[in-house]
Amino acid sequence: MFKKFLLILGKSNPTGGETEILQFVLDLAADKVKNYCHIETVPKGLENTVVRIAADLWRAEGYGSEDRPREVTSVKRGDVSTSFASVSVSETVQSDFLSKYRPELNSFRKLKR
């Protein structure tokens, strides 16, 4: 899965620290899928979906970039003041990633015990 993830992101030769972040994002996507589907391991049929979710998370969070996207929360014009939101994506945005893939995930979803 990791090689596919690198190919999608166009990262043929990531640095040491970047490799760890890439693996973290891929693991995060796999955990989200396993939790949603109530399964212990990612089946072969979901590997590409996990990679696509990880790529979406990578891009949305701005990992590997010093210029991460930040939302402006307030602007004050007199004496110029600008406030930015946290750089992390909110949980609602992250859950939207799963909703985009819900039809694929539902085929593998099991009842929770």
PDB file of N, CA and C in Angstrom:
ATOM      1  N   MET A   1       0.816  -1.197   0.000  1.00  0.00           N
ATOM      2  CA  MET A   1       0.000   0.000   0.000  1.00  0.00           C
ATOM      3  C   MET A   1       0.859   1.260   0.000  1.00  0.00           C
ATOM      4  N   PHE A   2       1.973   1.213   0.725  1.00  0.00           N
ATOM      5  CA  PHE A   2       2.810   2.408   0.864  1.00  0.00           C
ATOM      6  C   PHE A   2       3.347   2.876  -0.487  1.00  0.00           C
ATOM      7  N   LYS A   3       3.755   1.942  -1.340  1.00  0.00           N
ATOM      8  CA  LYS A   3       4.274   2.314  -2.664  1.00  0.00           C
ATOM      9  C   LYS A   3       3.206   2.982  -3.505  1.00  0.00           C
ATOM     10  N   LYS A   4       1.974   2.471  -3.446  1.00  0.00           N
ATOM     11  CA  LYS A   4       0.864   3.088  -4.180  1.00  0.00           C
ATOM     12  C   LYS A   4       0.625   4.507  -3.682  1.00  0.00           C
ATOM     13  N   PHE A   5       0.694   4.682  -2.364  1.00  0.00           N
ATOM     14  CA  PHE A   5       0.500   5.993  -1.758  1.00  0.00           C
ATOM     15  C   PHE A   5       1.549   6.977  -2.261  1.00  0.00           C
ATOM     16  N   LEU A   6       2.797   6.544  -2.309  1.00  0.00           N
ATOM     17  CA  LEU A   6       3.876   7.397  -2.815  1.00  0.00           C
ATOM     18  C   LEU A   6       3.644   7.763  -4.282  1.00  0.00           C
ATOM     19  N   LEU A   7       3.191   6.808  -5.070  1.00  0.00           N
ATOM     20  CA  LEU A   7       2.931   7.062  -6.489  1.00  0.00           C
ATOM     21  C   LEU A   7       1.830   8.104  -6.681  1.00  0.00           C
ATOM     22  N   ILE A   8       0.752   7.981  -5.922  1.00  0.00           N
ATOM     23  CA  ILE A   8      -0.358   8.929  -6.045  1.00  0.00           C
ATOM     24  C   ILE A   8       0.088  10.341  -5.687  1.00  0.00           C
ATOM     25  N   LEU A   9       0.929  10.463  -4.688  1.00  0.00           N
ATOM     26  CA  LEU A   9       1.397  11.782  -4.253  1.00  0.00           C
ATOM     27  C   LEU A   9       2.582  12.287  -5.065  1.00  0.00           C
ATOM     28  N   GLY A  10       3.132  11.453  -5.924  1.00  0.00           N
ATOM     29  CA  GLY A  10       4.280  11.848  -6.726  1.00  0.00           C
ATOM     30  C   GLY A  10       5.554  11.962  -5.900  1.00  0.00           C
ATOM     31  N   LYS A  11       5.664  11.138  -4.884  1.00  0.00           N
ATOM     32  CA  LYS A  11       6.831  11.150  -3.992  1.00  0.00           C
ATOM     33  C   LYS A  11       7.679   9.915  -4.270  1.00  0.00           C
ATOM     34  N   SER A  12       8.586  10.010  -5.217  1.00  0.00           N
ATOM     35  CA  SER A  12       9.395   8.845  -5.568  1.00  0.00           C
ATOM     36  C   SER A  12      10.513   8.589  -4.561  1.00  0.00           C
ATOM     37  N   ASN A  13      11.003   9.626  -3.898  1.00  0.00           N
ATOM     38  CA  ASN A  13      12.119   9.465  -2.978  1.00  0.00           C
ATOM     39  C   ASN A  13      11.940  10.377  -1.766  1.00  0.00           C
ATOM     40  N   PRO A  14      11.023  10.022  -0.831  1.00  0.00           N
ATOM     41  CA  PRO A  14      10.802  10.890   0.333  1.00  0.00           C
ATOM     42  C   PRO A  14      11.990  10.856   1.294  1.00  0.00           C
ATOM     43  N   THR A  15      12.178  11.944   2.023  1.00  0.00           N
ATOM     44  CA  THR A  15      13.239  12.020   3.027  1.00  0.00           C
ATOM     45  C   THR A  15      12.836  11.187   4.239  1.00  0.00           C
ATOM     46  N   GLY A  16      13.760  10.990   5.161  1.00  0.00           N
ATOM     47  CA  GLY A  16      13.493  10.173   6.348  1.00  0.00           C
ATOM     48  C   GLY A  16      12.315  10.653   7.163  1.00  0.00           C
ATOM     49  N   GLY A  17      12.299  11.939   7.510  1.00  0.00           N
ATOM     50  CA  GLY A  17      11.193  12.483   8.295  1.00  0.00           C
ATOM     51  C   GLY A  17       9.892  12.480   7.532  1.00  0.00           C
ATOM     52  N   GLU A  18       9.968  12.726   6.247  1.00  0.00           N
ATOM     53  CA  GLU A  18       8.766  12.742   5.423  1.00  0.00           C
ATOM     54  C   GLU A  18       8.182  11.328   5.303  1.00  0.00           C
ATOM     55  N   THR A  19       9.037  10.325   5.260  1.00  0.00           N
ATOM     56  CA  THR A  19       8.583   8.939   5.189  1.00  0.00           C
ATOM     57  C   THR A  19       7.731   8.594   6.404  1.00  0.00           C
ATOM     58  N   GLU A  20       8.160   9.051   7.579  1.00  0.00           N
ATOM     59  CA  GLU A  20       7.413   8.788   8.805  1.00  0.00           C
ATOM     60  C   GLU A  20       6.044   9.455   8.777  1.00  0.00           C
ATOM     61  N   ILE A  21       5.975  10.679   8.265  1.00  0.00           N
ATOM     62  CA  ILE A  21       4.696  11.389   8.171  1.00  0.00           C
ATOM     63  C   ILE A  21       3.792  10.696   7.160  1.00  0.00           C
ATOM     64  N   LEU A  22       4.353  10.281   6.034  1.00  0.00           N
ATOM     65  CA  LEU A  22       3.578   9.560   5.028  1.00  0.00           C
ATOM     66  C   LEU A  22       2.998   8.273   5.612  1.00  0.00           C
ATOM     67  N   GLN A  23       3.810   7.542   6.352  1.00  0.00           N
ATOM     68  CA  GLN A  23       3.348   6.297   6.963  1.00  0.00           C
ATOM     69  C   GLN A  23       2.267   6.585   8.001  1.00  0.00           C
ATOM     70  N   PHE A  24       2.425   7.659   8.769  1.00  0.00           N
ATOM     71  CA  PHE A  24       1.418   8.046   9.761  1.00  0.00           C
ATOM     72  C   PHE A  24       0.066   8.307   9.098  1.00  0.00           C
ATOM     73  N   VAL A  25       0.072   9.061   8.005  1.00  0.00           N
ATOM     74  CA  VAL A  25      -1.181   9.397   7.311  1.00  0.00           C
ATOM     75  C   VAL A  25      -1.815   8.138   6.731  1.00  0.00           C
ATOM     76  N   LEU A  26      -1.013   7.260   6.178  1.00  0.00           N
ATOM     77  CA  LEU A  26      -1.535   6.003   5.635  1.00  0.00           C
ATOM     78  C   LEU A  26      -2.123   5.141   6.757  1.00  0.00           C
ATOM     79  N   ASP A  27      -1.442   5.069   7.886  1.00  0.00           N
ATOM     80  CA  ASP A  27      -1.955   4.320   9.040  1.00  0.00           C
ATOM     81  C   ASP A  27      -3.247   4.940   9.572  1.00  0.00           C
ATOM     82  N   LEU A  28      -3.310   6.262   9.597  1.00  0.00           N
ATOM     83  CA  LEU A  28      -4.506   6.968  10.045  1.00  0.00           C
ATOM     84  C   LEU A  28      -5.696   6.618   9.151  1.00  0.00           C
ATOM     85  N   ALA A  29      -5.493   6.631   7.856  1.00  0.00           N
ATOM     86  CA  ALA A  29      -6.562   6.277   6.913  1.00  0.00           C
ATOM     87  C   ALA A  29      -6.990   4.824   7.108  1.00  0.00           C
ATOM     88  N   ALA A  30      -6.028   3.938   7.285  1.00  0.00           N
ATOM     89  CA  ALA A  30      -6.349   2.521   7.501  1.00  0.00           C
ATOM     90  C   ALA A  30      -7.146   2.342   8.796  1.00  0.00           C
ATOM     91  N   ASP A  31      -6.753   3.063   9.849  1.00  0.00           N
ATOM     92  CA  ASP A  31      -7.482   2.981  11.119  1.00  0.00           C
ATOM     93  C   ASP A  31      -8.912   3.479  10.972  1.00  0.00           C
ATOM     94  N   LYS A  32      -9.097   4.564  10.235  1.00  0.00           N
ATOM     95  CA  LYS A  32     -10.443   5.102  10.014  1.00  0.00           C
ATOM     96  C   LYS A  32     -11.312   4.074   9.280  1.00  0.00           C
ATOM     97  N   VAL A  33     -10.743   3.434   8.285  1.00  0.00           N
ATOM     98  CA  VAL A  33     -11.484   2.428   7.523  1.00  0.00           C
ATOM     99  C   VAL A  33     -11.804   1.223   8.403  1.00  0.00           C
ATOM    100  N   LYS A  34     -10.827   0.741   9.166  1.00  0.00           N
ATOM    101  CA  LYS A  34     -11.060  -0.413  10.035  1.00  0.00           C
ATOM    102  C   LYS A  34     -12.116  -0.110  11.100  1.00  0.00           C
ATOM    103  N   ASN A  35     -12.062   1.092  11.655  1.00  0.00           N
ATOM    104  CA  ASN A  35     -13.056   1.474  12.665  1.00  0.00           C
ATOM    105  C   ASN A  35     -14.449   1.595  12.058  1.00  0.00           C
ATOM    106  N   TYR A  36     -14.546   2.174  10.886  1.00  0.00           N
ATOM    107  CA  TYR A  36     -15.844   2.331  10.234  1.00  0.00           C
ATOM    108  C   TYR A  36     -16.431   0.974   9.857  1.00  0.00           C
ATOM    109  N   CYS A  37     -15.596   0.087   9.330  1.00  0.00           N
ATOM    110  CA  CYS A  37     -16.070  -1.223   8.862  1.00  0.00           C
ATOM    111  C   CYS A  37     -16.133  -2.278   9.967  1.00  0.00           C
ATOM    112  N   HIS A  38     -15.585  -1.969  11.158  1.00  0.00           N
ATOM    113  CA  HIS A  38     -15.538  -2.910  12.279  1.00  0.00           C
ATOM    114  C   HIS A  38     -14.760  -4.166  11.892  1.00  0.00           C
ATOM    115  N   ILE A  39     -13.578  -3.962  11.346  1.00  0.00           N
ATOM    116  CA  ILE A  39     -12.717  -5.076  10.932  1.00  0.00           C
ATOM    117  C   ILE A  39     -11.338  -4.913  11.555  1.00  0.00           C
ATOM    118  N   GLU A  40     -10.602  -6.014  11.635  1.00  0.00           N
ATOM    119  CA  GLU A  40      -9.277  -6.003  12.261  1.00  0.00           C
ATOM    120  C   GLU A  40      -8.164  -5.635  11.291  1.00  0.00           C
ATOM    121  N   THR A  41      -8.288  -6.060  10.044  1.00  0.00           N
ATOM    122  CA  THR A  41      -7.272  -5.778   9.033  1.00  0.00           C
ATOM    123  C   THR A  41      -7.948  -5.249   7.772  1.00  0.00           C
ATOM    124  N   VAL A  42      -7.183  -4.528   6.976  1.00  0.00           N
ATOM    125  CA  VAL A  42      -7.701  -3.995   5.718  1.00  0.00           C
ATOM    126  C   VAL A  42      -7.633  -5.101   4.665  1.00  0.00           C
ATOM    127  N   PRO A  43      -8.790  -5.500   4.114  1.00  0.00           N
ATOM    128  CA  PRO A  43      -8.765  -6.533   3.075  1.00  0.00           C
ATOM    129  C   PRO A  43      -8.190  -5.993   1.768  1.00  0.00           C
ATOM    130  N   LYS A  44      -7.728  -6.879   0.929  1.00  0.00           N
ATOM    131  CA  LYS A  44      -7.125  -6.513  -0.361  1.00  0.00           C
ATOM    132  C   LYS A  44      -8.047  -5.597  -1.170  1.00  0.00           C
ATOM    133  N   GLY A  45      -9.349  -5.858  -1.136  1.00  0.00           N
ATOM    134  CA  GLY A  45     -10.308  -5.069  -1.901  1.00  0.00           C
ATOM    135  C   GLY A  45     -10.458  -3.630  -1.439  1.00  0.00           C
ATOM    136  N   LEU A  46      -9.952  -3.302  -0.247  1.00  0.00           N
ATOM    137  CA  LEU A  46     -10.045  -1.930   0.267  1.00  0.00           C
ATOM    138  C   LEU A  46      -8.710  -1.185   0.258  1.00  0.00           C
ATOM    139  N   GLU A  47      -7.650  -1.824  -0.165  1.00  0.00           N
ATOM    140  CA  GLU A  47      -6.338  -1.182  -0.127  1.00  0.00           C
ATOM    141  C   GLU A  47      -6.296   0.104  -0.954  1.00  0.00           C
ATOM    142  N   ASN A  48      -6.838   0.071  -2.161  1.00  0.00           N
ATOM    143  CA  ASN A  48      -6.824   1.280  -2.995  1.00  0.00           C
ATOM    144  C   ASN A  48      -7.669   2.384  -2.386  1.00  0.00           C
ATOM    145  N   THR A  49      -8.760   2.021  -1.732  1.00  0.00           N
ATOM    146  CA  THR A  49      -9.611   3.011  -1.071  1.00  0.00           C
ATOM    147  C   THR A  49      -8.855   3.668   0.075  1.00  0.00           C
ATOM    148  N   VAL A  50      -8.139   2.870   0.851  1.00  0.00           N
ATOM    149  CA  VAL A  50      -7.338   3.412   1.957  1.00  0.00           C
ATOM    150  C   VAL A  50      -6.286   4.384   1.420  1.00  0.00           C
ATOM    151  N   VAL A  51      -5.646   4.019   0.334  1.00  0.00           N
ATOM    152  CA  VAL A  51      -4.624   4.883  -0.269  1.00  0.00           C
ATOM    153  C   VAL A  51      -5.247   6.202  -0.732  1.00  0.00           C
ATOM    154  N   ARG A  52      -6.422   6.133  -1.338  1.00  0.00           N
ATOM    155  CA  ARG A  52      -7.087   7.355  -1.804  1.00  0.00           C
ATOM    156  C   ARG A  52      -7.511   8.243  -0.634  1.00  0.00           C
ATOM    157  N   ILE A  53      -8.000   7.637   0.446  1.00  0.00           N
ATOM    158  CA  ILE A  53      -8.371   8.404   1.643  1.00  0.00           C
ATOM    159  C   ILE A  53      -7.124   9.052   2.238  1.00  0.00           C
ATOM    160  N   ALA A  54      -6.031   8.309   2.299  1.00  0.00           N
ATOM    161  CA  ALA A  54      -4.772   8.850   2.835  1.00  0.00           C
ATOM    162  C   ALA A  54      -4.296  10.033   1.987  1.00  0.00           C
ATOM    163  N   ALA A  55      -4.406   9.928   0.670  1.00  0.00           N
ATOM    164  CA  ALA A  55      -3.997  11.026  -0.204  1.00  0.00           C
ATOM    165  C   ALA A  55      -4.868  12.250   0.035  1.00  0.00           C
ATOM    166  N   ASP A  56      -6.176  12.046   0.243  1.00  0.00           N
ATOM    167  CA  ASP A  56      -7.069  13.164   0.551  1.00  0.00           C
ATOM    168  C   ASP A  56      -6.676  13.835   1.864  1.00  0.00           C
ATOM    169  N   LEU A  57      -6.377  13.020   2.879  1.00  0.00           N
ATOM    170  CA  LEU A  57      -5.944  13.561   4.172  1.00  0.00           C
ATOM    171  C   LEU A  57      -4.628  14.323   4.037  1.00  0.00           C
ATOM    172  N   TRP A  58      -3.684  13.755   3.277  1.00  0.00           N
ATOM    173  CA  TRP A  58      -2.381  14.392   3.067  1.00  0.00           C
ATOM    174  C   TRP A  58      -2.552  15.784   2.476  1.00  0.00           C
ATOM    175  N   ARG A  59      -3.371  15.861   1.449  1.00  0.00           N
ATOM    176  CA  ARG A  59      -3.576  17.147   0.768  1.00  0.00           C
ATOM    177  C   ARG A  59      -4.339  18.136   1.637  1.00  0.00           C
ATOM    178  N   ALA A  60      -5.378  17.668   2.332  1.00  0.00           N
ATOM    179  CA  ALA A  60      -6.207  18.562   3.143  1.00  0.00           C
ATOM    180  C   ALA A  60      -5.442  19.115   4.337  1.00  0.00           C
ATOM    181  N   GLU A  61      -4.627  18.276   4.952  1.00  0.00           N
ATOM    182  CA  GLU A  61      -3.864  18.707   6.126  1.00  0.00           C
ATOM    183  C   GLU A  61      -2.619  19.499   5.747  1.00  0.00           C
ATOM    184  N   GLY A  62      -2.170  19.388   4.505  1.00  0.00           N
ATOM    185  CA  GLY A  62      -0.973  20.096   4.079  1.00  0.00           C
ATOM    186  C   GLY A  62       0.291  19.508   4.660  1.00  0.00           C
ATOM    187  N   TYR A  63       0.282  18.199   4.937  1.00  0.00           N
ATOM    188  CA  TYR A  63       1.491  17.554   5.463  1.00  0.00           C
ATOM    189  C   TYR A  63       2.634  17.712   4.475  1.00  0.00           C
ATOM    190  N   GLY A  64       3.843  17.837   4.994  1.00  0.00           N
ATOM    191  CA  GLY A  64       5.008  17.946   4.138  1.00  0.00           C
ATOM    192  C   GLY A  64       5.196  19.323   3.541  1.00  0.00           C
ATOM    193  N   SER A  65       4.409  20.277   4.005  1.00  0.00           N
ATOM    194  CA  SER A  65       4.495  21.631   3.464  1.00  0.00           C
ATOM    195  C   SER A  65       4.555  22.624   4.609  1.00  0.00           C
ATOM    196  N   GLU A  66       5.436  23.551   4.508  1.00  0.00           N
ATOM    197  CA  GLU A  66       5.513  24.604   5.519  1.00  0.00           C
ATOM    198  C   GLU A  66       4.360  25.589   5.370  1.00  0.00           C
ATOM    199  N   ASP A  67       3.803  25.664   4.172  1.00  0.00           N
ATOM    200  CA  ASP A  67       2.715  26.592   3.891  1.00  0.00           C
ATOM    201  C   ASP A  67       1.376  25.883   3.962  1.00  0.00           C
ATOM    202  N   ARG A  68       1.068  25.324   5.109  1.00  0.00           N
ATOM    203  CA  ARG A  68      -0.194  24.630   5.279  1.00  0.00           C
ATOM    204  C   ARG A  68      -1.350  25.621   5.155  1.00  0.00           C
ATOM    205  N   PRO A  69      -2.448  25.169   4.542  1.00  0.00           N
ATOM    206  CA  PRO A  69      -3.589  26.067   4.418  1.00  0.00           C
ATOM    207  C   PRO A  69      -4.162  26.390   5.788  1.00  0.00           C
ATOM    208  N   ARG A  70      -4.443  27.666   6.021  1.00  0.00           N
ATOM    209  CA  ARG A  70      -5.003  28.079   7.296  1.00  0.00           C
ATOM    210  C   ARG A  70      -6.188  28.989   7.040  1.00  0.00           C
ATOM    211  N   GLU A  71      -7.235  28.777   7.794  1.00  0.00           N
ATOM    212  CA  GLU A  71      -8.451  29.555   7.656  1.00  0.00           C
ATOM    213  C   GLU A  71      -8.350  30.810   8.516  1.00  0.00           C
ATOM    214  N   VAL A  72      -8.710  31.950   7.947  1.00  0.00           N
ATOM    215  CA  VAL A  72      -8.720  33.204   8.692  1.00  0.00           C
ATOM    216  C   VAL A  72      -9.979  33.226   9.545  1.00  0.00           C
ATOM    217  N   THR A  73      -9.828  33.464  10.866  1.00  0.00           N
ATOM    218  CA  THR A  73     -10.982  33.499  11.754  1.00  0.00           C
ATOM    219  C   THR A  73     -11.428  34.915  12.062  1.00  0.00           C
ATOM    220  N   SER A  74     -10.493  35.870  12.061  1.00  0.00           N
ATOM    221  CA  SER A  74     -10.888  37.260  12.292  1.00  0.00           C
ATOM    222  C   SER A  74      -9.842  38.212  11.714  1.00  0.00           C
ATOM    223  N   VAL A  75     -10.329  39.392  11.317  1.00  0.00           N
ATOM    224  CA  VAL A  75      -9.459  40.430  10.772  1.00  0.00           C
ATOM    225  C   VAL A  75      -9.828  41.746  11.438  1.00  0.00           C
ATOM    226  N   LYS A  76      -8.839  42.484  11.919  1.00  0.00           N
ATOM    227  CA  LYS A  76      -9.046  43.803  12.516  1.00  0.00           C
ATOM    228  C   LYS A  76      -8.259  44.788  11.681  1.00  0.00           C
ATOM    229  N   ARG A  77      -8.893  45.808  11.154  1.00  0.00           N
ATOM    230  CA  ARG A  77      -8.211  46.710  10.227  1.00  0.00           C
ATOM    231  C   ARG A  77      -7.439  47.824  10.917  1.00  0.00           C
ATOM    232  N   GLY A  78      -7.987  48.395  11.961  1.00  0.00           N
ATOM    233  CA  GLY A  78      -7.245  49.414  12.713  1.00  0.00           C
ATOM    234  C   GLY A  78      -6.115  48.744  13.459  1.00  0.00           C
ATOM    235  N   ASP A  79      -4.907  49.126  13.229  1.00  0.00           N
ATOM    236  CA  ASP A  79      -3.694  48.513  13.781  1.00  0.00           C
ATOM    237  C   ASP A  79      -3.502  47.081  13.280  1.00  0.00           C
ATOM    238  N   VAL A  80      -4.030  46.744  12.162  1.00  0.00           N
ATOM    239  CA  VAL A  80      -3.907  45.489  11.423  1.00  0.00           C
ATOM    240  C   VAL A  80      -3.668  44.260  12.303  1.00  0.00           C
ATOM    241  N   SER A  81      -4.655  43.420  12.433  1.00  0.00           N
ATOM    242  CA  SER A  81      -4.567  42.186  13.194  1.00  0.00           C
ATOM    243  C   SER A  81      -5.319  41.091  12.445  1.00  0.00           C
ATOM    244  N   THR A  82      -4.696  39.947  12.267  1.00  0.00           N
ATOM    245  CA  THR A  82      -5.325  38.814  11.588  1.00  0.00           C
ATOM    246  C   THR A  82      -5.145  37.581  12.453  1.00  0.00           C
ATOM    247  N   SER A  83      -6.221  36.832  12.661  1.00  0.00           N
ATOM    248  CA  SER A  83      -6.163  35.594  13.440  1.00  0.00           C
ATOM    249  C   SER A  83      -6.460  34.415  12.526  1.00  0.00           C
ATOM    250  N   PHE A  84      -5.735  33.318  12.741  1.00  0.00           N
ATOM    251  CA  PHE A  84      -5.898  32.121  11.925  1.00  0.00           C
ATOM    252  C   PHE A  84      -6.404  30.970  12.774  1.00  0.00           C
ATOM    253  N   ALA A  85      -7.163  30.079  12.143  1.00  0.00           N
ATOM    254  CA  ALA A  85      -7.640  28.863  12.803  1.00  0.00           C
ATOM    255  C   ALA A  85      -6.485  27.884  12.925  1.00  0.00           C
ATOM    256  N   SER A  86      -6.698  26.856  13.692  1.00  0.00           N
ATOM    257  CA  SER A  86      -5.716  25.790  13.822  1.00  0.00           C
ATOM    258  C   SER A  86      -5.450  25.174  12.455  1.00  0.00           C
ATOM    259  N   VAL A  87      -4.232  24.667  12.245  1.00  0.00           N
ATOM    260  CA  VAL A  87      -3.888  24.102  10.945  1.00  0.00           C
ATOM    261  C   VAL A  87      -4.470  22.722  10.718  1.00  0.00           C
ATOM    262  N   SER A  88      -4.968  22.059  11.756  1.00  0.00           N
ATOM    263  CA  SER A  88      -5.506  20.714  11.554  1.00  0.00           C
ATOM    264  C   SER A  88      -6.933  20.765  11.042  1.00  0.00           C
ATOM    265  N   VAL A  89      -7.297  19.748  10.300  1.00  0.00           N
ATOM    266  CA  VAL A  89      -8.644  19.644   9.764  1.00  0.00           C
ATOM    267  C   VAL A  89      -9.562  19.170  10.877  1.00  0.00           C
ATOM    268  N   SER A  90     -10.740  19.760  10.980  1.00  0.00           N
ATOM    269  CA  SER A  90     -11.671  19.376  12.038  1.00  0.00           C
ATOM    270  C   SER A  90     -12.174  17.956  11.827  1.00  0.00           C
ATOM    271  N   GLU A  91     -12.712  17.367  12.886  1.00  0.00           N
ATOM    272  CA  GLU A  91     -13.232  16.003  12.803  1.00  0.00           C
ATOM    273  C   GLU A  91     -14.366  15.893  11.796  1.00  0.00           C
ATOM    274  N   THR A  92     -15.180  16.940  11.662  1.00  0.00           N
ATOM    275  CA  THR A  92     -16.284  16.857  10.693  1.00  0.00           C
ATOM    276  C   THR A  92     -15.746  16.794   9.275  1.00  0.00           C
ATOM    277  N   VAL A  93     -14.689  17.531   8.991  1.00  0.00           N
ATOM    278  CA  VAL A  93     -14.100  17.479   7.663  1.00  0.00           C
ATOM    279  C   VAL A  93     -13.484  16.103   7.425  1.00  0.00           C
ATOM    280  N   GLN A  94     -12.798  15.566   8.431  1.00  0.00           N
ATOM    281  CA  GLN A  94     -12.199  14.247   8.270  1.00  0.00           C
ATOM    282  C   GLN A  94     -13.263  13.172   8.074  1.00  0.00           C
ATOM    283  N   SER A  95     -14.398  13.281   8.756  1.00  0.00           N
ATOM    284  CA  SER A  95     -15.444  12.281   8.561  1.00  0.00           C
ATOM    285  C   SER A  95     -16.054  12.405   7.172  1.00  0.00           C
ATOM    286  N   ASP A  96     -15.984  13.597   6.569  1.00  0.00           N
ATOM    287  CA  ASP A  96     -16.460  13.765   5.200  1.00  0.00           C
ATOM    288  C   ASP A  96     -15.638  12.935   4.220  1.00  0.00           C
ATOM    289  N   PHE A  97     -14.375  12.695   4.520  1.00  0.00           N
ATOM    290  CA  PHE A  97     -13.549  11.856   3.661  1.00  0.00           C
ATOM    291  C   PHE A  97     -14.155  10.460   3.581  1.00  0.00           C
ATOM    292  N   LEU A  98     -14.602   9.946   4.720  1.00  0.00           N
ATOM    293  CA  LEU A  98     -15.196   8.619   4.718  1.00  0.00           C
ATOM    294  C   LEU A  98     -16.527   8.609   3.981  1.00  0.00           C
ATOM    295  N   SER A  99     -17.320   9.667   4.111  1.00  0.00           N
ATOM    296  CA  SER A  99     -18.622   9.681   3.447  1.00  0.00           C
ATOM    297  C   SER A  99     -18.468   9.639   1.931  1.00  0.00           C
ATOM    298  N   LYS A 100     -17.396  10.204   1.432  1.00  0.00           N
ATOM    299  CA  LYS A 100     -17.105  10.170   0.000  1.00  0.00           C
ATOM    300  C   LYS A 100     -16.882   8.733  -0.482  1.00  0.00           C
ATOM    301  N   TYR A 101     -16.386   7.883   0.407  1.00  0.00           N
ATOM    302  CA  TYR A 101     -16.058   6.497   0.065  1.00  0.00           C
ATOM    303  C   TYR A 101     -17.044   5.497   0.669  1.00  0.00           C
ATOM    304  N   ARG A 102     -18.114   5.990   1.258  1.00  0.00           N
ATOM    305  CA  ARG A 102     -19.059   5.132   1.964  1.00  0.00           C
ATOM    306  C   ARG A 102     -19.587   3.964   1.121  1.00  0.00           C
ATOM    307  N   PRO A 103     -19.960   4.174  -0.145  1.00  0.00           N
ATOM    308  CA  PRO A 103     -20.445   3.025  -0.926  1.00  0.00           C
ATOM    309  C   PRO A 103     -19.419   1.885  -1.023  1.00  0.00           C
ATOM    310  N   GLU A 104     -18.152   2.229  -1.183  1.00  0.00           N
ATOM    311  CA  GLU A 104     -17.103   1.208  -1.245  1.00  0.00           C
ATOM    312  C   GLU A 104     -16.900   0.543   0.117  1.00  0.00           C
ATOM    313  N   LEU A 105     -16.933   1.349   1.176  1.00  0.00           N
ATOM    314  CA  LEU A 105     -16.692   0.834   2.520  1.00  0.00           C
ATOM    315  C   LEU A 105     -17.838  -0.045   3.004  1.00  0.00           C
ATOM    316  N   ASN A 106     -19.063   0.319   2.642  1.00  0.00           N
ATOM    317  CA  ASN A 106     -20.225  -0.437   3.121  1.00  0.00           C
ATOM    318  C   ASN A 106     -20.216  -1.887   2.658  1.00  0.00           C
ATOM    319  N   SER A 107     -19.577  -2.167   1.540  1.00  0.00           N
ATOM    320  CA  SER A 107     -19.481  -3.555   1.058  1.00  0.00           C
ATOM    321  C   SER A 107     -18.669  -4.430   2.015  1.00  0.00           C
ATOM    322  N   PHE A 108     -17.802  -3.808   2.804  1.00  0.00           N
ATOM    323  CA  PHE A 108     -16.922  -4.544   3.718  1.00  0.00           C
ATOM    324  C   PHE A 108     -17.317  -4.370   5.187  1.00  0.00           C
ATOM    325  N   ARG A 109     -18.348  -3.566   5.430  1.00  0.00           N
ATOM    326  CA  ARG A 109     -18.742  -3.251   6.795  1.00  0.00           C
ATOM    327  C   ARG A 109     -19.424  -4.439   7.459  1.00  0.00           C
ATOM    328  N   LYS A 110     -19.094  -4.657   8.727  1.00  0.00           N
ATOM    329  CA  LYS A 110     -19.675  -5.749   9.514  1.00  0.00           C
ATOM    330  C   LYS A 110     -20.454  -5.170  10.681  1.00  0.00           C
ATOM    331  N   LEU A 111     -21.355  -5.958  11.214  1.00  0.00           N
ATOM    332  CA  LEU A 111     -22.088  -5.541  12.407  1.00  0.00           C
ATOM    333  C   LEU A 111     -21.133  -5.501  13.601  1.00  0.00           C
ATOM    334  N   LYS A 112     -21.293  -4.500  14.428  1.00  0.00           N
ATOM    335  CA  LYS A 112     -20.460  -4.381  15.611  1.00  0.00           C
ATOM    336  C   LYS A 112     -20.982  -5.318  16.688  1.00  0.00           C
ATOM    337  N   ARG A 113     -20.084  -6.006  17.342  1.00  0.00           N
ATOM    338  CA  ARG A 113     -20.494  -6.948  18.407  1.00  0.00           C
ATOM    339  C   ARG A 113     -20.527  -6.283  19.728  1.00  0.00           C
TER     340      ARG A 113
END
